[in-house]
Amino acid sequence: MVVHMTFNFLQSSSFSFLMMGRVSRGILFGFMPYFLCACPMEERLIFHPVKVIHQTPRDVGLDFKDVYFTAQDGVRLNGWFVPYPKAQRTLLWFHGNAGNIGHRAQNLRLLHDRVKINIFLFDYRGYGRSEGKISEAGSYLDGSAAIDFLRRHYNVQANQLVLFGRSLGAAVAAEMATRVDSMAVILESPFVSVPEMARAVFPLIPLGPLLSTRYDNLDKVRRARSPLLVLHGDRDEVVPFDQGRKVFEAAPEPKKFHTIVGAGHNNTYIVGGDGYFAVLRESLDWAAAAAKKAAPRS
């Protein structure tokens, strides 16, 4: 059962709450007390790291630097910096809850080639070659460390930094957007919060109050400090489309929303095709102009 759930989780890159939806909901009442005292169980439902990296940028024809950097609490992290010739902008990619950076290599190639931007993709603690054990607080430490790494080693300034998060990674990107200025924030397939995801899957079972992991995107986007783009597939089978809309509606201007027509949770860039990448390119130009307009005049 555990192996089956993990396989499906990697296929959907979703929360295991959805896998549990196949099990009788009545059974879950018996497990409720464990959520109060067994955080490891909760973490296993939300995070599905894979340690072995099967594919690197080199396998998809990209030059890259395999780098290591350290979070504030001493945890050593691993990532890939993929440069684009003469690019001034750098996209910092916060991936979803399953797998590792190796599972994003094909998508990485498309983003690099079609958006024409430097990309820094890294693994949270416990994923891939990164050390430590994943948690919500730990993922925020990792995000901050990645931003600091780009500043120190590649001189990436706020007006050159794009925070890009997909699914659970959208929550990490949104948190970073409350802490630092950036040129743009892009949230793809974001959920409202982990408790709201639990409520969406099990509307009759009050799991939300029992979960210590929050990833509250509504609170985060209200405090975001940069132009925002939210993208969501209208056939998302994992994170309900209306949750993405709620995240967008909670954010202050300037902001944009793009519906990826016909896309599910994991095929946004495939179904979206050329139009998907065009939206990303155009939104970066829009965000840069919006940020410049909002900047105080000396």
C-alpha atoms as a PDB file:
ATOM      1  CA  MET A   1       0.000   0.000   0.000  1.00  0.00           C
ATOM      2  CA  VAL A   2       2.804   2.433   0.845  1.00  0.00           C
ATOM      3  CA  VAL A   3       4.620   1.702  -2.409  1.00  0.00           C
ATOM      4  CA  HIS A   4       1.384   2.101  -4.380  1.00  0.00           C
ATOM      5  CA  MET A   5       0.612   5.418  -2.732  1.00  0.00           C
ATOM      6  CA  THR A   6       4.128   6.728  -3.326  1.00  0.00           C
ATOM      7  CA  PHE A   7       4.048   5.802  -7.002  1.00  0.00           C
ATOM      8  CA  ASN A   8       0.757   7.574  -7.514  1.00  0.00           C
ATOM      9  CA  PHE A   9       2.021  10.551  -5.565  1.00  0.00           C
ATOM     10  CA  LEU A  10       5.027  10.882  -7.847  1.00  0.00           C
ATOM     11  CA  GLN A  11       2.804  10.568 -10.866  1.00  0.00           C
ATOM     12  CA  SER A  12       0.495  13.331  -9.719  1.00  0.00           C
ATOM     13  CA  SER A  13       2.946  15.386  -7.657  1.00  0.00           C
ATOM     14  CA  SER A  14       0.011  15.966  -5.351  1.00  0.00           C
ATOM     15  CA  PHE A  15      -0.855  15.555  -1.724  1.00  0.00           C
ATOM     16  CA  SER A  16      -1.347  12.037  -0.427  1.00  0.00           C
ATOM     17  CA  PHE A  17      -4.683  13.232   0.890  1.00  0.00           C
ATOM     18  CA  LEU A  18      -5.878  12.470  -2.634  1.00  0.00           C
ATOM     19  CA  MET A  19      -4.509   8.959  -2.514  1.00  0.00           C
ATOM     20  CA  MET A  20      -6.272   8.463   0.780  1.00  0.00           C
ATOM     21  CA  GLY A  21      -9.487   9.493  -0.892  1.00  0.00           C
ATOM     22  CA  ARG A  22      -9.599   5.948  -2.277  1.00  0.00           C
ATOM     23  CA  VAL A  23      -9.783   4.585   1.229  1.00  0.00           C
ATOM     24  CA  SER A  24     -13.007   4.617   3.205  1.00  0.00           C
ATOM     25  CA  ARG A  25     -13.292   8.004   4.860  1.00  0.00           C
ATOM     26  CA  GLY A  26     -14.687   6.377   7.954  1.00  0.00           C
ATOM     27  CA  ILE A  27     -11.365   4.654   8.578  1.00  0.00           C
ATOM     28  CA  LEU A  28      -9.679   8.042   8.917  1.00  0.00           C
ATOM     29  CA  PHE A  29     -11.560   8.844  12.102  1.00  0.00           C
ATOM     30  CA  GLY A  30      -9.532   6.126  13.772  1.00  0.00           C
ATOM     31  CA  PHE A  31      -6.313   7.774  12.617  1.00  0.00           C
ATOM     32  CA  MET A  32      -7.188  11.286  13.791  1.00  0.00           C
ATOM     33  CA  PRO A  33      -5.490  11.011  17.202  1.00  0.00           C
ATOM     34  CA  TYR A  34      -2.224  10.163  15.446  1.00  0.00           C
ATOM     35  CA  PHE A  35      -2.208  13.531  13.704  1.00  0.00           C
ATOM     36  CA  LEU A  36      -2.092  15.110  17.143  1.00  0.00           C
ATOM     37  CA  CYS A  37       1.013  13.261  18.274  1.00  0.00           C
ATOM     38  CA  ALA A  38       2.673  11.805  15.176  1.00  0.00           C
ATOM     39  CA  CYS A  39       4.063  14.574  13.027  1.00  0.00           C
ATOM     40  CA  PRO A  40       6.143  12.096  10.987  1.00  0.00           C
ATOM     41  CA  MET A  41       2.871  10.637   9.678  1.00  0.00           C
ATOM     42  CA  GLU A  42       1.712  14.084   8.630  1.00  0.00           C
ATOM     43  CA  GLU A  43       5.022  14.783   6.921  1.00  0.00           C
ATOM     44  CA  ARG A  44       4.843  11.497   5.019  1.00  0.00           C
ATOM     45  CA  LEU A  45       1.444  12.542   3.694  1.00  0.00           C
ATOM     46  CA  ILE A  46       2.728  15.870   2.408  1.00  0.00           C
ATOM     47  CA  PHE A  47       6.368  15.405   1.414  1.00  0.00           C
ATOM     48  CA  HIS A  48       7.608  12.669  -0.920  1.00  0.00           C
ATOM     49  CA  PRO A  49      11.319  13.204  -1.523  1.00  0.00           C
ATOM     50  CA  VAL A  50      13.380  10.942  -3.760  1.00  0.00           C
ATOM     51  CA  LYS A  51      17.110  10.769  -3.086  1.00  0.00           C
ATOM     52  CA  VAL A  52      18.468   9.345  -6.350  1.00  0.00           C
ATOM     53  CA  ILE A  53      18.842  11.773  -9.263  1.00  0.00           C
ATOM     54  CA  HIS A  54      18.411   9.955 -12.559  1.00  0.00           C
ATOM     55  CA  GLN A  55      18.728  12.881 -14.946  1.00  0.00           C
ATOM     56  CA  THR A  56      20.738  16.109 -14.995  1.00  0.00           C
ATOM     57  CA  PRO A  57      20.689  19.144 -17.298  1.00  0.00           C
ATOM     58  CA  ARG A  58      23.554  17.608 -19.237  1.00  0.00           C
ATOM     59  CA  ASP A  59      21.246  14.747 -20.232  1.00  0.00           C
ATOM     60  CA  VAL A  60      18.938  17.243 -21.944  1.00  0.00           C
ATOM     61  CA  GLY A  61      21.728  19.190 -23.603  1.00  0.00           C
ATOM     62  CA  LEU A  62      22.219  22.027 -21.113  1.00  0.00           C
ATOM     63  CA  ASP A  63      25.418  23.404 -19.611  1.00  0.00           C
ATOM     64  CA  PHE A  64      25.098  23.859 -15.861  1.00  0.00           C
ATOM     65  CA  LYS A  65      26.935  24.214 -12.602  1.00  0.00           C
ATOM     66  CA  ASP A  66      26.258  21.647  -9.897  1.00  0.00           C
ATOM     67  CA  VAL A  67      26.466  23.690  -6.702  1.00  0.00           C
ATOM     68  CA  TYR A  68      26.237  23.209  -2.953  1.00  0.00           C
ATOM     69  CA  PHE A  69      25.263  25.855  -0.449  1.00  0.00           C
ATOM     70  CA  THR A  70      24.316  25.957   3.226  1.00  0.00           C
ATOM     71  CA  ALA A  71      21.127  27.017   4.968  1.00  0.00           C
ATOM     72  CA  GLN A  72      21.180  29.173   8.088  1.00  0.00           C
ATOM     73  CA  ASP A  73      20.856  26.126  10.351  1.00  0.00           C
ATOM     74  CA  GLY A  74      23.846  24.400   8.731  1.00  0.00           C
ATOM     75  CA  VAL A  75      21.999  22.031   6.381  1.00  0.00           C
ATOM     76  CA  ARG A  76      23.891  21.492   3.114  1.00  0.00           C
ATOM     77  CA  LEU A  77      21.775  21.871  -0.024  1.00  0.00           C
ATOM     78  CA  ASN A  78      22.282  21.019  -3.683  1.00  0.00           C
ATOM     79  CA  GLY A  79      21.129  22.785  -6.826  1.00  0.00           C
ATOM     80  CA  TRP A  80      21.810  23.505 -10.479  1.00  0.00           C
ATOM     81  CA  PHE A  81      22.561  26.890 -11.971  1.00  0.00           C
ATOM     82  CA  VAL A  82      21.749  26.899 -15.685  1.00  0.00           C
ATOM     83  CA  PRO A  83      22.913  30.071 -17.440  1.00  0.00           C
ATOM     84  CA  TYR A  84      21.375  31.562 -20.575  1.00  0.00           C
ATOM     85  CA  PRO A  85      23.742  33.596 -22.785  1.00  0.00           C
ATOM     86  CA  LYS A  86      23.656  37.311 -21.908  1.00  0.00           C
ATOM     87  CA  ALA A  87      20.491  36.916 -19.788  1.00  0.00           C
ATOM     88  CA  GLN A  88      20.047  39.585 -17.116  1.00  0.00           C
ATOM     89  CA  ARG A  89      17.205  37.846 -15.292  1.00  0.00           C
ATOM     90  CA  THR A  90      17.385  34.758 -13.099  1.00  0.00           C
ATOM     91  CA  LEU A  91      14.470  32.483 -12.283  1.00  0.00           C
ATOM     92  CA  LEU A  92      14.651  30.761  -8.895  1.00  0.00           C
ATOM     93  CA  TRP A  93      12.547  27.605  -9.149  1.00  0.00           C
ATOM     94  CA  PHE A  94      10.803  26.116  -6.097  1.00  0.00           C
ATOM     95  CA  HIS A  95       9.591  22.676  -7.155  1.00  0.00           C
ATOM     96  CA  GLY A  96       6.675  20.594  -5.896  1.00  0.00           C
ATOM     97  CA  ASN A  97       6.467  18.106  -3.057  1.00  0.00           C
ATOM     98  CA  ALA A  98       7.543  14.913  -4.834  1.00  0.00           C
ATOM     99  CA  GLY A  99      10.690  13.611  -6.512  1.00  0.00           C
ATOM    100  CA  ASN A 100      13.723  15.885  -6.871  1.00  0.00           C
ATOM    101  CA  ILE A 101      15.308  18.311  -9.324  1.00  0.00           C
ATOM    102  CA  GLY A 102      16.158  15.444 -11.670  1.00  0.00           C
ATOM    103  CA  HIS A 103      12.469  14.907 -12.377  1.00  0.00           C
ATOM    104  CA  ARG A 104      12.294  18.463 -13.767  1.00  0.00           C
ATOM    105  CA  ALA A 105      15.108  18.206 -16.328  1.00  0.00           C
ATOM    106  CA  GLN A 106      12.884  18.135 -19.429  1.00  0.00           C
ATOM    107  CA  ASN A 107      10.780  21.039 -18.169  1.00  0.00           C
ATOM    108  CA  LEU A 108      13.991  22.860 -17.274  1.00  0.00           C
ATOM    109  CA  ARG A 109      15.182  22.647 -20.878  1.00  0.00           C
ATOM    110  CA  LEU A 110      11.931  24.117 -22.194  1.00  0.00           C
ATOM    111  CA  LEU A 111      11.905  26.970 -19.678  1.00  0.00           C
ATOM    112  CA  HIS A 112      15.527  27.773 -20.434  1.00  0.00           C
ATOM    113  CA  ASP A 113      15.113  27.772 -24.197  1.00  0.00           C
ATOM    114  CA  ARG A 114      11.741  29.466 -24.514  1.00  0.00           C
ATOM    115  CA  VAL A 115      11.833  32.016 -21.717  1.00  0.00           C
ATOM    116  CA  LYS A 116      15.531  32.741 -22.333  1.00  0.00           C
ATOM    117  CA  ILE A 117      16.472  33.197 -18.710  1.00  0.00           C
ATOM    118  CA  ASN A 118      19.061  31.961 -16.198  1.00  0.00           C
ATOM    119  CA  ILE A 119      17.537  29.281 -13.972  1.00  0.00           C
ATOM    120  CA  PHE A 120      18.490  28.126 -10.489  1.00  0.00           C
ATOM    121  CA  LEU A 121      16.713  24.919  -9.517  1.00  0.00           C
ATOM    122  CA  PHE A 122      17.514  23.372  -6.152  1.00  0.00           C
ATOM    123  CA  ASP A 123      16.342  20.593  -3.862  1.00  0.00           C
ATOM    124  CA  TYR A 124      14.857  21.212  -0.447  1.00  0.00           C
ATOM    125  CA  ARG A 125      16.454  19.451   2.501  1.00  0.00           C
ATOM    126  CA  GLY A 126      15.909  15.706   2.314  1.00  0.00           C
ATOM    127  CA  TYR A 127      15.385  15.741  -1.455  1.00  0.00           C
ATOM    128  CA  GLY A 128      17.977  14.539  -3.966  1.00  0.00           C
ATOM    129  CA  ARG A 129      21.506  15.268  -2.768  1.00  0.00           C
ATOM    130  CA  SER A 130      20.429  17.836  -0.195  1.00  0.00           C
ATOM    131  CA  GLU A 131      20.979  16.823   3.401  1.00  0.00           C
ATOM    132  CA  GLY A 132      18.589  17.049   6.335  1.00  0.00           C
ATOM    133  CA  LYS A 133      14.878  16.352   6.758  1.00  0.00           C
ATOM    134  CA  ILE A 134      12.098  18.315   5.117  1.00  0.00           C
ATOM    135  CA  SER A 135       9.558  20.396   7.035  1.00  0.00           C
ATOM    136  CA  GLU A 136       7.620  23.576   6.359  1.00  0.00           C
ATOM    137  CA  ALA A 137      10.014  25.691   8.425  1.00  0.00           C
ATOM    138  CA  GLY A 138      12.982  23.952   6.806  1.00  0.00           C
ATOM    139  CA  SER A 139      11.720  24.680   3.305  1.00  0.00           C
ATOM    140  CA  TYR A 140      11.633  28.391   4.139  1.00  0.00           C
ATOM    141  CA  LEU A 141      15.214  28.249   5.423  1.00  0.00           C
ATOM    142  CA  ASP A 142      16.178  26.551   2.171  1.00  0.00           C
ATOM    143  CA  GLY A 143      14.435  29.185   0.070  1.00  0.00           C
ATOM    144  CA  SER A 144      16.201  31.990   1.895  1.00  0.00           C
ATOM    145  CA  ALA A 145      19.536  30.201   1.473  1.00  0.00           C
ATOM    146  CA  ALA A 146      18.959  29.876  -2.279  1.00  0.00           C
ATOM    147  CA  ILE A 147      18.264  33.607  -2.605  1.00  0.00           C
ATOM    148  CA  ASP A 148      21.349  34.434  -0.569  1.00  0.00           C
ATOM    149  CA  PHE A 149      23.431  32.086  -2.728  1.00  0.00           C
ATOM    150  CA  LEU A 150      22.295  33.844  -5.910  1.00  0.00           C
ATOM    151  CA  ARG A 151      23.110  37.230  -4.409  1.00  0.00           C
ATOM    152  CA  ARG A 152      26.578  36.254  -3.224  1.00  0.00           C
ATOM    153  CA  HIS A 153      27.759  34.060  -6.071  1.00  0.00           C
ATOM    154  CA  TYR A 154      25.950  35.472  -9.107  1.00  0.00           C
ATOM    155  CA  ASN A 155      25.240  39.026  -7.960  1.00  0.00           C
ATOM    156  CA  VAL A 156      21.524  38.610  -8.672  1.00  0.00           C
ATOM    157  CA  GLN A 157      19.782  41.801  -7.559  1.00  0.00           C
ATOM    158  CA  ALA A 158      16.122  42.212  -6.644  1.00  0.00           C
ATOM    159  CA  ASN A 159      15.217  43.700 -10.015  1.00  0.00           C
ATOM    160  CA  GLN A 160      16.708  40.632 -11.745  1.00  0.00           C
ATOM    161  CA  LEU A 161      15.168  37.941  -9.534  1.00  0.00           C
ATOM    162  CA  VAL A 162      12.056  35.961 -10.489  1.00  0.00           C
ATOM    163  CA  LEU A 163      10.518  33.743  -7.793  1.00  0.00           C
ATOM    164  CA  PHE A 164       8.793  30.787  -9.476  1.00  0.00           C
ATOM    165  CA  GLY A 165       6.945  28.124  -7.504  1.00  0.00           C
ATOM    166  CA  ARG A 166       4.799  25.243  -8.643  1.00  0.00           C
ATOM    167  CA  SER A 167       2.225  23.450  -6.451  1.00  0.00           C
ATOM    168  CA  LEU A 168       3.755  23.147  -2.960  1.00  0.00           C
ATOM    169  CA  GLY A 169       6.699  25.153  -4.250  1.00  0.00           C
ATOM    170  CA  ALA A 170       4.301  28.037  -4.843  1.00  0.00           C
ATOM    171  CA  ALA A 171       3.903  28.287  -1.067  1.00  0.00           C
ATOM    172  CA  VAL A 172       7.664  28.514  -0.574  1.00  0.00           C
ATOM    173  CA  ALA A 173       7.930  31.134  -3.323  1.00  0.00           C
ATOM    174  CA  ALA A 174       5.066  33.091  -1.763  1.00  0.00           C
ATOM    175  CA  GLU A 175       6.786  33.059   1.615  1.00  0.00           C
ATOM    176  CA  MET A 176       9.989  34.337   0.028  1.00  0.00           C
ATOM    177  CA  ALA A 177       7.918  37.098  -1.615  1.00  0.00           C
ATOM    178  CA  THR A 178       7.019  38.366   1.866  1.00  0.00           C
ATOM    179  CA  ARG A 179      10.690  38.539   2.867  1.00  0.00           C
ATOM    180  CA  VAL A 180      12.511  39.940  -0.166  1.00  0.00           C
ATOM    181  CA  ASP A 181      11.852  42.210  -3.099  1.00  0.00           C
ATOM    182  CA  SER A 182      11.974  40.675  -6.556  1.00  0.00           C
ATOM    183  CA  MET A 183      11.178  41.596 -10.119  1.00  0.00           C
ATOM    184  CA  ALA A 184       8.266  39.146 -10.236  1.00  0.00           C
ATOM    185  CA  VAL A 185       6.566  36.296  -8.410  1.00  0.00           C
ATOM    186  CA  ILE A 186       5.065  33.448 -10.455  1.00  0.00           C
ATOM    187  CA  LEU A 187       2.820  30.930  -8.705  1.00  0.00           C
ATOM    188  CA  GLU A 188       1.682  27.957 -10.745  1.00  0.00           C
ATOM    189  CA  SER A 189      -1.128  25.700  -9.507  1.00  0.00           C
ATOM    190  CA  PRO A 190      -1.107  27.162  -5.977  1.00  0.00           C
ATOM    191  CA  PHE A 191      -3.406  25.892  -3.232  1.00  0.00           C
ATOM    192  CA  VAL A 192      -5.001  28.053  -0.534  1.00  0.00           C
ATOM    193  CA  SER A 193      -3.362  26.135   2.329  1.00  0.00           C
ATOM    194  CA  VAL A 194      -2.694  22.567   3.439  1.00  0.00           C
ATOM    195  CA  PRO A 195      -5.777  22.576   5.735  1.00  0.00           C
ATOM    196  CA  GLU A 196      -7.900  23.804   2.811  1.00  0.00           C
ATOM    197  CA  MET A 197      -6.569  20.978   0.652  1.00  0.00           C
ATOM    198  CA  ALA A 198      -7.538  18.517   3.381  1.00  0.00           C
ATOM    199  CA  ARG A 199     -10.997  20.091   3.549  1.00  0.00           C
ATOM    200  CA  ALA A 200     -11.406  19.869  -0.220  1.00  0.00           C
ATOM    201  CA  VAL A 201     -10.640  16.139  -0.206  1.00  0.00           C
ATOM    202  CA  PHE A 202     -12.453  15.254   3.019  1.00  0.00           C
ATOM    203  CA  PRO A 203     -15.211  17.867   3.475  1.00  0.00           C
ATOM    204  CA  LEU A 204     -16.903  15.915   6.273  1.00  0.00           C
ATOM    205  CA  ILE A 205     -13.762  15.210   8.296  1.00  0.00           C
ATOM    206  CA  PRO A 206     -12.161  18.093  10.242  1.00  0.00           C
ATOM    207  CA  LEU A 207      -8.525  17.270   9.540  1.00  0.00           C
ATOM    208  CA  GLY A 208      -7.426  20.896   9.153  1.00  0.00           C
ATOM    209  CA  PRO A 209      -7.119  21.787  12.848  1.00  0.00           C
ATOM    210  CA  LEU A 210      -5.037  18.661  13.441  1.00  0.00           C
ATOM    211  CA  LEU A 211      -2.381  19.566  10.876  1.00  0.00           C
ATOM    212  CA  SER A 212       0.677  21.506  12.011  1.00  0.00           C
ATOM    213  CA  THR A 213       1.857  22.095   8.438  1.00  0.00           C
ATOM    214  CA  ARG A 214       0.045  25.145   7.095  1.00  0.00           C
ATOM    215  CA  TYR A 215       1.625  26.640   3.944  1.00  0.00           C
ATOM    216  CA  ASP A 216      -1.000  29.390   4.090  1.00  0.00           C
ATOM    217  CA  ASN A 217      -0.817  31.018   0.673  1.00  0.00           C
ATOM    218  CA  LEU A 218      -3.647  33.486   1.259  1.00  0.00           C
ATOM    219  CA  ASP A 219      -1.792  35.078   4.142  1.00  0.00           C
ATOM    220  CA  LYS A 220       1.440  35.119   2.175  1.00  0.00           C
ATOM    221  CA  VAL A 221       0.206  36.727  -1.042  1.00  0.00           C
ATOM    222  CA  ARG A 222      -1.526  39.487   0.923  1.00  0.00           C
ATOM    223  CA  ARG A 223       1.945  40.474   2.149  1.00  0.00           C
ATOM    224  CA  ALA A 224       3.819  39.906  -1.114  1.00  0.00           C
ATOM    225  CA  ARG A 225       6.019  42.777  -2.241  1.00  0.00           C
ATOM    226  CA  SER A 226       6.304  42.249  -6.015  1.00  0.00           C
ATOM    227  CA  PRO A 227       4.160  41.968  -9.175  1.00  0.00           C
ATOM    228  CA  LEU A 228       2.378  38.621  -9.238  1.00  0.00           C
ATOM    229  CA  LEU A 229       1.397  36.154 -11.967  1.00  0.00           C
ATOM    230  CA  VAL A 230      -0.798  33.169 -11.068  1.00  0.00           C
ATOM    231  CA  LEU A 231      -1.265  30.331 -13.569  1.00  0.00           C
ATOM    232  CA  HIS A 232      -3.623  27.387 -13.128  1.00  0.00           C
ATOM    233  CA  GLY A 233      -4.933  24.601 -15.343  1.00  0.00           C
ATOM    234  CA  ASP A 234      -8.722  24.554 -15.529  1.00  0.00           C
ATOM    235  CA  ARG A 235      -8.696  20.742 -15.413  1.00  0.00           C
ATOM    236  CA  ASP A 236      -6.359  20.431 -12.435  1.00  0.00           C
ATOM    237  CA  GLU A 237      -7.230  17.101 -10.832  1.00  0.00           C
ATOM    238  CA  VAL A 238      -5.080  17.732  -7.759  1.00  0.00           C
ATOM    239  CA  VAL A 239      -5.409  21.355  -6.637  1.00  0.00           C
ATOM    240  CA  PRO A 240      -8.887  22.705  -7.407  1.00  0.00           C
ATOM    241  CA  PHE A 241      -8.871  25.537  -9.929  1.00  0.00           C
ATOM    242  CA  ASP A 242     -10.909  27.746  -7.585  1.00  0.00           C
ATOM    243  CA  GLN A 243      -8.121  27.580  -4.997  1.00  0.00           C
ATOM    244  CA  GLY A 244      -5.757  29.175  -7.493  1.00  0.00           C
ATOM    245  CA  ARG A 245      -8.341  31.889  -8.120  1.00  0.00           C
ATOM    246  CA  LYS A 246      -8.686  32.533  -4.389  1.00  0.00           C
ATOM    247  CA  VAL A 247      -4.928  32.941  -4.046  1.00  0.00           C
ATOM    248  CA  PHE A 248      -4.960  35.432  -6.908  1.00  0.00           C
ATOM    249  CA  GLU A 249      -7.913  37.397  -5.535  1.00  0.00           C
ATOM    250  CA  ALA A 250      -6.248  37.753  -2.133  1.00  0.00           C
ATOM    251  CA  ALA A 251      -3.152  39.399  -3.590  1.00  0.00           C
ATOM    252  CA  PRO A 252      -2.733  43.151  -4.026  1.00  0.00           C
ATOM    253  CA  GLU A 253      -2.081  44.782  -7.381  1.00  0.00           C
ATOM    254  CA  PRO A 254      -0.193  44.591  -9.657  1.00  0.00           C
ATOM    255  CA  LYS A 255      -1.205  41.066 -10.563  1.00  0.00           C
ATOM    256  CA  LYS A 256      -2.320  38.872 -13.452  1.00  0.00           C
ATOM    257  CA  PHE A 257      -4.118  35.535 -13.726  1.00  0.00           C
ATOM    258  CA  HIS A 258      -3.736  33.112 -16.617  1.00  0.00           C
ATOM    259  CA  THR A 259      -5.953  30.073 -17.151  1.00  0.00           C
ATOM    260  CA  ILE A 260      -4.145  27.201 -18.861  1.00  0.00           C
ATOM    261  CA  VAL A 261      -7.076  25.810 -20.817  1.00  0.00           C
ATOM    262  CA  GLY A 262      -7.324  22.028 -20.736  1.00  0.00           C
ATOM    263  CA  ALA A 263      -4.337  21.530 -18.429  1.00  0.00           C
ATOM    264  CA  GLY A 264      -4.229  19.296 -15.387  1.00  0.00           C
ATOM    265  CA  HIS A 265      -1.768  19.539 -12.519  1.00  0.00           C
ATOM    266  CA  ASN A 266       1.390  18.151 -14.091  1.00  0.00           C
ATOM    267  CA  ASN A 267       1.025  18.926 -17.777  1.00  0.00           C
ATOM    268  CA  THR A 268       0.620  22.707 -17.672  1.00  0.00           C
ATOM    269  CA  TYR A 269       3.665  23.488 -19.774  1.00  0.00           C
ATOM    270  CA  ILE A 270       2.856  20.675 -22.210  1.00  0.00           C
ATOM    271  CA  VAL A 271      -0.831  21.461 -22.730  1.00  0.00           C
ATOM    272  CA  GLY A 272      -0.159  25.196 -22.599  1.00  0.00           C
ATOM    273  CA  GLY A 273       2.480  24.840 -25.301  1.00  0.00           C
ATOM    274  CA  ASP A 274       3.848  27.941 -26.990  1.00  0.00           C
ATOM    275  CA  GLY A 275       1.149  30.100 -25.402  1.00  0.00           C
ATOM    276  CA  TYR A 276       2.263  29.056 -21.918  1.00  0.00           C
ATOM    277  CA  PHE A 277       5.846  30.165 -22.489  1.00  0.00           C
ATOM    278  CA  ALA A 278       4.705  33.342 -24.248  1.00  0.00           C
ATOM    279  CA  VAL A 279       2.697  34.270 -21.142  1.00  0.00           C
ATOM    280  CA  LEU A 280       5.788  33.785 -18.983  1.00  0.00           C
ATOM    281  CA  ARG A 281       7.962  35.946 -21.253  1.00  0.00           C
ATOM    282  CA  GLU A 282       5.362  38.696 -21.591  1.00  0.00           C
ATOM    283  CA  SER A 283       4.595  38.669 -17.870  1.00  0.00           C
ATOM    284  CA  LEU A 284       8.254  39.201 -17.003  1.00  0.00           C
ATOM    285  CA  ASP A 285       8.332  42.306 -19.212  1.00  0.00           C
ATOM    286  CA  TRP A 286       5.035  43.476 -17.654  1.00  0.00           C
ATOM    287  CA  ALA A 287       6.352  42.881 -14.130  1.00  0.00           C
ATOM    288  CA  ALA A 288       9.572  44.760 -14.834  1.00  0.00           C
ATOM    289  CA  ALA A 289       7.591  47.734 -16.145  1.00  0.00           C
ATOM    290  CA  ALA A 290       5.170  47.597 -13.201  1.00  0.00           C
ATOM    291  CA  ALA A 291       8.002  47.484 -10.679  1.00  0.00           C
ATOM    292  CA  LYS A 292       9.755  50.390 -12.363  1.00  0.00           C
ATOM    293  CA  LYS A 293       6.550  52.421 -12.345  1.00  0.00           C
ATOM    294  CA  ALA A 294       5.998  51.705  -8.646  1.00  0.00           C
ATOM    295  CA  ALA A 295       9.565  52.600  -7.662  1.00  0.00           C
ATOM    296  CA  PRO A 296       9.851  55.892  -5.763  1.00  0.00           C
ATOM    297  CA  ARG A 297      11.401  58.721  -7.730  1.00  0.00           C
ATOM    298  CA  SER A 298      14.492  60.389  -6.328  1.00  0.00           C
END
